[in-house]
PDB file of N, CA and C in Angstrom:
ATOM      1  N   MET A   1      58.414  62.491   3.548  1.00  0.00           N
ATOM      2  CA  MET A   1      59.261  61.451   4.096  1.00  0.00           C
ATOM      3  C   MET A   1      59.313  60.313   3.091  1.00  0.00           C
ATOM      4  N   THR A   2      60.497  59.755   2.903  1.00  0.00           N
ATOM      5  CA  THR A   2      60.641  58.605   2.016  1.00  0.00           C
ATOM      6  C   THR A   2      61.453  57.523   2.711  1.00  0.00           C
ATOM      7  N   LEU A   3      61.109  56.284   2.397  1.00  0.00           N
ATOM      8  CA  LEU A   3      61.872  55.119   2.832  1.00  0.00           C
ATOM      9  C   LEU A   3      62.061  54.270   1.591  1.00  0.00           C
ATOM     10  N   GLN A   4      63.296  54.216   1.104  1.00  0.00           N
ATOM     11  CA  GLN A   4      63.581  53.454  -0.116  1.00  0.00           C
ATOM     12  C   GLN A   4      63.710  51.971   0.208  1.00  0.00           C
ATOM     13  N   ASP A   5      63.461  51.144  -0.801  1.00  0.00           N
ATOM     14  CA  ASP A   5      63.704  49.716  -0.631  1.00  0.00           C
ATOM     15  C   ASP A   5      65.177  49.497  -0.325  1.00  0.00           C
ATOM     16  N   ASN A   6      65.442  48.580   0.579  1.00  0.00           N
ATOM     17  CA  ASN A   6      66.834  48.285   0.923  1.00  0.00           C
ATOM     18  C   ASN A   6      67.539  47.638  -0.270  1.00  0.00           C
ATOM     19  N   TYR A   7      68.861  47.766  -0.285  1.00  0.00           N
ATOM     20  CA  TYR A   7      69.648  47.195  -1.373  1.00  0.00           C
ATOM     21  C   TYR A   7      70.932  46.621  -0.815  1.00  0.00           C
ATOM     22  N   PRO A   8      71.296  45.411  -1.151  1.00  0.00           N
ATOM     23  CA  PRO A   8      70.527  44.453  -1.948  1.00  0.00           C
ATOM     24  C   PRO A   8      69.404  43.821  -1.126  1.00  0.00           C
ATOM     25  N   ASN A   9      68.480  43.230  -1.837  1.00  0.00           N
ATOM     26  CA  ASN A   9      67.371  42.528  -1.204  1.00  0.00           C
ATOM     27  C   ASN A   9      66.924  41.413  -2.134  1.00  0.00           C
ATOM     28  N   PRO A  10      67.101  40.158  -1.757  1.00  0.00           N
ATOM     29  CA  PRO A  10      67.592  39.648  -0.473  1.00  0.00           C
ATOM     30  C   PRO A  10      69.081  39.936  -0.284  1.00  0.00           C
ATOM     31  N   PHE A  11      69.516  39.792   0.994  1.00  0.00           N
ATOM     32  CA  PHE A  11      70.912  40.050   1.314  1.00  0.00           C
ATOM     33  C   PHE A  11      71.464  38.953   2.204  1.00  0.00           C
ATOM     34  N   ASP A  12      72.808  38.850   2.214  1.00  0.00           N
ATOM     35  CA  ASP A  12      73.429  37.840   3.079  1.00  0.00           C
ATOM     36  C   ASP A  12      74.388  38.470   4.086  1.00  0.00           C
ATOM     37  N   LYS A  13      75.171  39.442   3.678  1.00  0.00           N
ATOM     38  CA  LYS A  13      76.138  40.059   4.607  1.00  0.00           C
ATOM     39  C   LYS A  13      75.642  41.383   5.182  1.00  0.00           C
ATOM     40  N   GLU A  14      75.148  42.251   4.303  1.00  0.00           N
ATOM     41  CA  GLU A  14      74.628  43.535   4.762  1.00  0.00           C
ATOM     42  C   GLU A  14      73.719  44.133   3.704  1.00  0.00           C
ATOM     43  N   THR A  15      72.902  45.076   4.142  1.00  0.00           N
ATOM     44  CA  THR A  15      71.987  45.772   3.247  1.00  0.00           C
ATOM     45  C   THR A  15      71.917  47.238   3.653  1.00  0.00           C
ATOM     46  N   LYS A  16      71.714  48.105   2.680  1.00  0.00           N
ATOM     47  CA  LYS A  16      71.617  49.546   2.934  1.00  0.00           C
ATOM     48  C   LYS A  16      70.160  49.964   2.975  1.00  0.00           C
ATOM     49  N   ILE A  17      69.853  50.785   3.953  1.00  0.00           N
ATOM     50  CA  ILE A  17      68.504  51.333   4.110  1.00  0.00           C
ATOM     51  C   ILE A  17      68.635  52.851   4.016  1.00  0.00           C
ATOM     52  N   LYS A  18      67.979  53.445   3.015  1.00  0.00           N
ATOM     53  CA  LYS A  18      68.046  54.898   2.812  1.00  0.00           C
ATOM     54  C   LYS A  18      66.676  55.513   3.063  1.00  0.00           C
ATOM     55  N   PHE A  19      66.692  56.666   3.705  1.00  0.00           N
ATOM     56  CA  PHE A  19      65.438  57.384   3.948  1.00  0.00           C
ATOM     57  C   PHE A  19      65.704  58.875   4.014  1.00  0.00           C
ATOM     58  N   SER A  20      64.646  59.650   3.807  1.00  0.00           N
ATOM     59  CA  SER A  20      64.723  61.115   3.838  1.00  0.00           C
ATOM     60  C   SER A  20      63.667  61.654   4.778  1.00  0.00           C
ATOM     61  N   ILE A  21      64.061  62.658   5.538  1.00  0.00           N
ATOM     62  CA  ILE A  21      63.160  63.337   6.465  1.00  0.00           C
ATOM     63  C   ILE A  21      63.067  64.796   6.012  1.00  0.00           C
ATOM     64  N   PRO A  22      61.864  65.300   5.685  1.00  0.00           N
ATOM     65  CA  PRO A  22      61.732  66.649   5.135  1.00  0.00           C
ATOM     66  C   PRO A  22      61.807  67.776   6.165  1.00  0.00           C
ATOM     67  N   GLU A  23      61.605  67.452   7.445  1.00  0.00           N
ATOM     68  CA  GLU A  23      61.658  68.485   8.477  1.00  0.00           C
ATOM     69  C   GLU A  23      62.106  67.868   9.797  1.00  0.00           C
ATOM     70  N   ARG A  24      62.609  68.698  10.670  1.00  0.00           N
ATOM     71  CA  ARG A  24      63.076  68.222  11.976  1.00  0.00           C
ATOM     72  C   ARG A  24      61.918  67.565  12.714  1.00  0.00           C
ATOM     73  N   CYS A  25      62.132  66.329  13.174  1.00  0.00           N
ATOM     74  CA  CYS A  25      61.087  65.631  13.925  1.00  0.00           C
ATOM     75  C   CYS A  25      61.678  64.412  14.632  1.00  0.00           C
ATOM     76  N   ARG A  26      60.891  63.833  15.503  1.00  0.00           N
ATOM     77  CA  ARG A  26      61.290  62.599  16.180  1.00  0.00           C
ATOM     78  C   ARG A  26      61.157  61.443  15.197  1.00  0.00           C
ATOM     79  N   VAL A  27      62.186  60.610  15.132  1.00  0.00           N
ATOM     80  CA  VAL A  27      62.231  59.504  14.180  1.00  0.00           C
ATOM     81  C   VAL A  27      62.549  58.211  14.915  1.00  0.00           C
ATOM     82  N   ILE A  28      61.828  57.163  14.535  1.00  0.00           N
ATOM     83  CA  ILE A  28      62.155  55.810  14.983  1.00  0.00           C
ATOM     84  C   ILE A  28      62.371  54.982  13.723  1.00  0.00           C
ATOM     85  N   LEU A  29      63.506  54.312  13.659  1.00  0.00           N
ATOM     86  CA  LEU A  29      63.802  53.382  12.574  1.00  0.00           C
ATOM     87  C   LEU A  29      64.167  52.068  13.230  1.00  0.00           C
ATOM     88  N   ASP A  30      63.342  51.048  13.003  1.00  0.00           N
ATOM     89  CA  ASP A  30      63.607  49.771  13.652  1.00  0.00           C
ATOM     90  C   ASP A  30      63.354  48.607  12.705  1.00  0.00           C
ATOM     91  N   VAL A  31      63.730  47.415  13.164  1.00  0.00           N
ATOM     92  CA  VAL A  31      63.545  46.184  12.410  1.00  0.00           C
ATOM     93  C   VAL A  31      62.799  45.202  13.300  1.00  0.00           C
ATOM     94  N   THR A  32      61.763  44.586  12.736  1.00  0.00           N
ATOM     95  CA  THR A  32      61.018  43.555  13.453  1.00  0.00           C
ATOM     96  C   THR A  32      61.020  42.272  12.626  1.00  0.00           C
ATOM     97  N   ASP A  33      60.815  41.150  13.315  1.00  0.00           N
ATOM     98  CA  ASP A  33      60.646  39.893  12.583  1.00  0.00           C
ATOM     99  C   ASP A  33      59.202  39.811  12.102  1.00  0.00           C
ATOM    100  N   ILE A  34      58.867  38.741  11.396  1.00  0.00           N
ATOM    101  CA  ILE A  34      57.519  38.652  10.829  1.00  0.00           C
ATOM    102  C   ILE A  34      56.430  38.475  11.884  1.00  0.00           C
ATOM    103  N   MET A  35      56.834  38.136  13.113  1.00  0.00           N
ATOM    104  CA  MET A  35      55.872  38.023  14.210  1.00  0.00           C
ATOM    105  C   MET A  35      55.660  39.361  14.924  1.00  0.00           C
ATOM    106  N   GLY A  36      56.398  40.395  14.506  1.00  0.00           N
ATOM    107  CA  GLY A  36      56.257  41.708  15.107  1.00  0.00           C
ATOM    108  C   GLY A  36      57.182  41.975  16.280  1.00  0.00           C
ATOM    109  N   ASN A  37      58.118  41.050  16.544  1.00  0.00           N
ATOM    110  CA  ASN A  37      59.083  41.247  17.634  1.00  0.00           C
ATOM    111  C   ASN A  37      60.210  42.154  17.173  1.00  0.00           C
ATOM    112  N   LYS A  38      60.454  43.220  17.920  1.00  0.00           N
ATOM    113  CA  LYS A  38      61.530  44.132  17.559  1.00  0.00           C
ATOM    114  C   LYS A  38      62.872  43.443  17.784  1.00  0.00           C
ATOM    115  N   VAL A  39      63.711  43.428  16.745  1.00  0.00           N
ATOM    116  CA  VAL A  39      65.027  42.810  16.857  1.00  0.00           C
ATOM    117  C   VAL A  39      66.149  43.839  16.911  1.00  0.00           C
ATOM    118  N   LEU A  40      65.878  45.058  16.414  1.00  0.00           N
ATOM    119  CA  LEU A  40      66.913  46.086  16.394  1.00  0.00           C
ATOM    120  C   LEU A  40      66.272  47.459  16.244  1.00  0.00           C
ATOM    121  N   GLU A  41      66.834  48.438  16.917  1.00  0.00           N
ATOM    122  CA  GLU A  41      66.385  49.823  16.770  1.00  0.00           C
ATOM    123  C   GLU A  41      67.593  50.655  16.366  1.00  0.00           C
ATOM    124  N   PHE A  42      67.547  51.220  15.160  1.00  0.00           N
ATOM    125  CA  PHE A  42      68.639  52.054  14.666  1.00  0.00           C
ATOM    126  C   PHE A  42      68.586  53.459  15.255  1.00  0.00           C
ATOM    127  N   ILE A  43      67.392  54.055  15.232  1.00  0.00           N
ATOM    128  CA  ILE A  43      67.230  55.456  15.628  1.00  0.00           C
ATOM    129  C   ILE A  43      65.974  55.579  16.486  1.00  0.00           C
ATOM    130  N   ASN A  44      66.069  56.392  17.536  1.00  0.00           N
ATOM    131  CA  ASN A  44      64.900  56.735  18.340  1.00  0.00           C
ATOM    132  C   ASN A  44      65.184  58.076  19.009  1.00  0.00           C
ATOM    133  N   HIS A  45      65.219  59.133  18.191  1.00  0.00           N
ATOM    134  CA  HIS A  45      65.456  60.480  18.694  1.00  0.00           C
ATOM    135  C   HIS A  45      65.083  61.507  17.616  1.00  0.00           C
ATOM    136  N   THR A  46      65.184  62.755  17.937  1.00  0.00           N
ATOM    137  CA  THR A  46      64.876  63.823  16.995  1.00  0.00           C
ATOM    138  C   THR A  46      66.036  63.991  16.022  1.00  0.00           C
ATOM    139  N   VAL A  47      65.703  64.094  14.735  1.00  0.00           N
ATOM    140  CA  VAL A  47      66.719  64.297  13.707  1.00  0.00           C
ATOM    141  C   VAL A  47      66.371  65.532  12.884  1.00  0.00           C
ATOM    142  N   GLU A  48      67.378  66.069  12.228  1.00  0.00           N
ATOM    143  CA  GLU A  48      67.203  67.225  11.348  1.00  0.00           C
ATOM    144  C   GLU A  48      66.746  66.746   9.966  1.00  0.00           C
ATOM    145  N   ALA A  49      66.129  67.639   9.217  1.00  0.00           N
ATOM    146  CA  ALA A  49      65.746  67.328   7.842  1.00  0.00           C
ATOM    147  C   ALA A  49      67.003  66.987   7.057  1.00  0.00           C
ATOM    148  N   ASN A  50      66.993  65.818   6.410  1.00  0.00           N
ATOM    149  CA  ASN A  50      68.179  65.388   5.668  1.00  0.00           C
ATOM    150  C   ASN A  50      67.909  64.033   5.034  1.00  0.00           C
ATOM    151  N   ASP A  51      68.877  63.572   4.237  1.00  0.00           N
ATOM    152  CA  ASP A  51      68.889  62.220   3.705  1.00  0.00           C
ATOM    153  C   ASP A  51      69.778  61.381   4.608  1.00  0.00           C
ATOM    154  N   TYR A  52      69.354  60.151   4.887  1.00  0.00           N
ATOM    155  CA  TYR A  52      70.092  59.276   5.799  1.00  0.00           C
ATOM    156  C   TYR A  52      70.275  57.900   5.172  1.00  0.00           C
ATOM    157  N   GLU A  53      71.300  57.202   5.651  1.00  0.00           N
ATOM    158  CA  GLU A  53      71.551  55.832   5.218  1.00  0.00           C
ATOM    159  C   GLU A  53      72.097  55.049   6.400  1.00  0.00           C
ATOM    160  N   VAL A  54      71.545  53.872   6.619  1.00  0.00           N
ATOM    161  CA  VAL A  54      72.076  52.963   7.627  1.00  0.00           C
ATOM    162  C   VAL A  54      72.379  51.638   6.945  1.00  0.00           C
ATOM    163  N   ILE A  55      73.317  50.916   7.501  1.00  0.00           N
ATOM    164  CA  ILE A  55      73.677  49.605   6.989  1.00  0.00           C
ATOM    165  C   ILE A  55      73.349  48.587   8.066  1.00  0.00           C
ATOM    166  N   TRP A  56      72.610  47.555   7.662  1.00  0.00           N
ATOM    167  CA  TRP A  56      72.248  46.490   8.593  1.00  0.00           C
ATOM    168  C   TRP A  56      72.938  45.207   8.177  1.00  0.00           C
ATOM    169  N   ASP A  57      73.578  44.563   9.150  1.00  0.00           N
ATOM    170  CA  ASP A  57      74.343  43.343   8.879  1.00  0.00           C
ATOM    171  C   ASP A  57      73.598  42.066   9.277  1.00  0.00           C
ATOM    172  N   GLY A  58      72.311  42.158   9.544  1.00  0.00           N
ATOM    173  CA  GLY A  58      71.528  40.966   9.864  1.00  0.00           C
ATOM    174  C   GLY A  58      71.703  40.467  11.284  1.00  0.00           C
ATOM    175  N   THR A  59      72.144  41.353  12.176  1.00  0.00           N
ATOM    176  CA  THR A  59      72.275  40.976  13.582  1.00  0.00           C
ATOM    177  C   THR A  59      71.217  41.694  14.406  1.00  0.00           C
ATOM    178  N   ASP A  60      70.974  41.152  15.611  1.00  0.00           N
ATOM    179  CA  ASP A  60      70.001  41.782  16.499  1.00  0.00           C
ATOM    180  C   ASP A  60      70.680  42.838  17.364  1.00  0.00           C
ATOM    181  N   ALA A  61      69.948  43.375  18.330  1.00  0.00           N
ATOM    182  CA  ALA A  61      70.459  44.440  19.198  1.00  0.00           C
ATOM    183  C   ALA A  61      71.643  43.992  20.042  1.00  0.00           C
ATOM    184  N   ASN A  62      71.794  42.670  20.248  1.00  0.00           N
ATOM    185  CA  ASN A  62      72.915  42.141  21.030  1.00  0.00           C
ATOM    186  C   ASN A  62      74.075  41.680  20.160  1.00  0.00           C
ATOM    187  N   GLY A  63      73.974  41.878  18.852  1.00  0.00           N
ATOM    188  CA  GLY A  63      75.045  41.496  17.942  1.00  0.00           C
ATOM    189  C   GLY A  63      75.009  40.050  17.481  1.00  0.00           C
ATOM    190  N   PHE A  64      73.918  39.329  17.791  1.00  0.00           N
ATOM    191  CA  PHE A  64      73.809  37.936  17.374  1.00  0.00           C
ATOM    192  C   PHE A  64      73.224  37.847  15.961  1.00  0.00           C
ATOM    193  N   ASN A  65      73.743  36.913  15.165  1.00  0.00           N
ATOM    194  CA  ASN A  65      73.223  36.698  13.820  1.00  0.00           C
ATOM    195  C   ASN A  65      71.782  36.211  13.888  1.00  0.00           C
ATOM    196  N   LEU A  66      70.933  36.828  13.096  1.00  0.00           N
ATOM    197  CA  LEU A  66      69.534  36.427  13.022  1.00  0.00           C
ATOM    198  C   LEU A  66      69.367  35.342  11.969  1.00  0.00           C
ATOM    199  N   PRO A  67      68.328  34.509  12.100  1.00  0.00           N
ATOM    200  CA  PRO A  67      68.105  33.439  11.121  1.00  0.00           C
ATOM    201  C   PRO A  67      67.563  33.989   9.804  1.00  0.00           C
ATOM    202  N   ASN A  68      67.697  33.177   8.771  1.00  0.00           N
ATOM    203  CA  ASN A  68      67.103  33.515   7.482  1.00  0.00           C
ATOM    204  C   ASN A  68      65.609  33.718   7.682  1.00  0.00           C
ATOM    205  N   CYS A  69      65.122  34.843   7.210  1.00  0.00           N
ATOM    206  CA  CYS A  69      63.723  35.167   7.435  1.00  0.00           C
ATOM    207  C   CYS A  69      63.395  36.470   6.726  1.00  0.00           C
ATOM    208  N   MET A  70      62.119  36.777   6.635  1.00  0.00           N
ATOM    209  CA  MET A  70      61.656  38.078   6.175  1.00  0.00           C
ATOM    210  C   MET A  70      61.610  38.996   7.390  1.00  0.00           C
ATOM    211  N   TYR A  71      62.137  40.206   7.253  1.00  0.00           N
ATOM    212  CA  TYR A  71      62.123  41.197   8.319  1.00  0.00           C
ATOM    213  C   TYR A  71      61.451  42.459   7.793  1.00  0.00           C
ATOM    214  N   ILE A  72      60.885  43.223   8.707  1.00  0.00           N
ATOM    215  CA  ILE A  72      60.203  44.460   8.361  1.00  0.00           C
ATOM    216  C   ILE A  72      60.998  45.629   8.935  1.00  0.00           C
ATOM    217  N   CYS A  73      61.336  46.579   8.062  1.00  0.00           N
ATOM    218  CA  CYS A  73      61.966  47.822   8.512  1.00  0.00           C
ATOM    219  C   CYS A  73      60.858  48.864   8.573  1.00  0.00           C
ATOM    220  N   ARG A  74      60.752  49.516   9.723  1.00  0.00           N
ATOM    221  CA  ARG A  74      59.680  50.497   9.934  1.00  0.00           C
ATOM    222  C   ARG A  74      60.294  51.857  10.232  1.00  0.00           C
ATOM    223  N   LEU A  75      59.832  52.865   9.515  1.00  0.00           N
ATOM    224  CA  LEU A  75      60.250  54.245   9.733  1.00  0.00           C
ATOM    225  C   LEU A  75      59.049  55.035  10.229  1.00  0.00           C
ATOM    226  N   ILE A  76      59.184  55.610  11.411  1.00  0.00           N
ATOM    227  CA  ILE A  76      58.149  56.478  11.975  1.00  0.00           C
ATOM    228  C   ILE A  76      58.756  57.864  12.094  1.00  0.00           C
ATOM    229  N   ALA A  77      58.122  58.839  11.456  1.00  0.00           N
ATOM    230  CA  ALA A  77      58.588  60.226  11.516  1.00  0.00           C
ATOM    231  C   ALA A  77      57.376  61.095  11.800  1.00  0.00           C
ATOM    232  N   GLY A  78      57.325  61.628  13.014  1.00  0.00           N
ATOM    233  CA  GLY A  78      56.139  62.375  13.410  1.00  0.00           C
ATOM    234  C   GLY A  78      54.939  61.441  13.403  1.00  0.00           C
ATOM    235  N   SER A  79      53.913  61.771  12.617  1.00  0.00           N
ATOM    236  CA  SER A  79      52.707  60.938  12.549  1.00  0.00           C
ATOM    237  C   SER A  79      52.702  60.026  11.322  1.00  0.00           C
ATOM    238  N   HIS A  80      53.795  59.989  10.580  1.00  0.00           N
ATOM    239  CA  HIS A  80      53.877  59.188   9.360  1.00  0.00           C
ATOM    240  C   HIS A  80      54.622  57.885   9.606  1.00  0.00           C
ATOM    241  N   VAL A  81      54.157  56.816   8.963  1.00  0.00           N
ATOM    242  CA  VAL A  81      54.790  55.497   9.097  1.00  0.00           C
ATOM    243  C   VAL A  81      54.960  54.892   7.708  1.00  0.00           C
ATOM    244  N   LYS A  82      56.142  54.358   7.456  1.00  0.00           N
ATOM    245  CA  LYS A  82      56.402  53.619   6.214  1.00  0.00           C
ATOM    246  C   LYS A  82      57.135  52.343   6.577  1.00  0.00           C
ATOM    247  N   THR A  83      56.926  51.293   5.782  1.00  0.00           N
ATOM    248  CA  THR A  83      57.594  50.022   6.029  1.00  0.00           C
ATOM    249  C   THR A  83      58.120  49.443   4.719  1.00  0.00           C
ATOM    250  N   ILE A  84      59.163  48.622   4.843  1.00  0.00           N
ATOM    251  CA  ILE A  84      59.656  47.834   3.717  1.00  0.00           C
ATOM    252  C   ILE A  84      59.946  46.426   4.223  1.00  0.00           C
ATOM    253  N   LYS A  85      59.892  45.460   3.298  1.00  0.00           N
ATOM    254  CA  LYS A  85      60.224  44.072   3.636  1.00  0.00           C
ATOM    255  C   LYS A  85      61.644  43.792   3.197  1.00  0.00           C
ATOM    256  N   MET A  86      62.388  43.093   4.063  1.00  0.00           N
ATOM    257  CA  MET A  86      63.776  42.742   3.779  1.00  0.00           C
ATOM    258  C   MET A  86      63.958  41.242   3.991  1.00  0.00           C
ATOM    259  N   MET A  87      64.619  40.593   3.041  1.00  0.00           N
ATOM    260  CA  MET A  87      64.827  39.145   3.132  1.00  0.00           C
ATOM    261  C   MET A  87      66.302  38.863   3.437  1.00  0.00           C
ATOM    262  N   LEU A  88      66.529  38.223   4.592  1.00  0.00           N
ATOM    263  CA  LEU A  88      67.878  37.817   4.995  1.00  0.00           C
ATOM    264  C   LEU A  88      68.069  36.372   4.582  1.00  0.00           C
ATOM    265  N   ARG A  89      69.110  36.114   3.790  1.00  0.00           N
ATOM    266  CA  ARG A  89      69.465  34.749   3.355  1.00  0.00           C
ATOM    267  C   ARG A  89      70.966  34.593   3.491  1.00  0.00           C
ATOM    268  N   ARG A  90      71.375  33.841   4.455  1.00  0.00           N
ATOM    269  CA  ARG A  90      72.825  33.609   4.668  1.00  0.00           C
ATOM    270  C   ARG A  90      73.273  32.373   3.941  1.00  0.00           C
TER     271      ARG A  90
END
């Protein structure tokens, strides 16, 4: 499993998050603030082995713009966890 650094980082309008899953498994891909509060969940279901890309526009689950801050993107695939730091600067 791989989780690449988002690009661009820091970002103002949107950023791309790329990851690869080597085998079919349950995947959670979410974003939390630095306090650990979940602000958005991209994926929470079983996916096939493949390369994936999501684009995040700096909004929360309700579509509201989030403040400038460091955010953590977390990828959970089976028993594996990877994280990256993302800086939002509008």
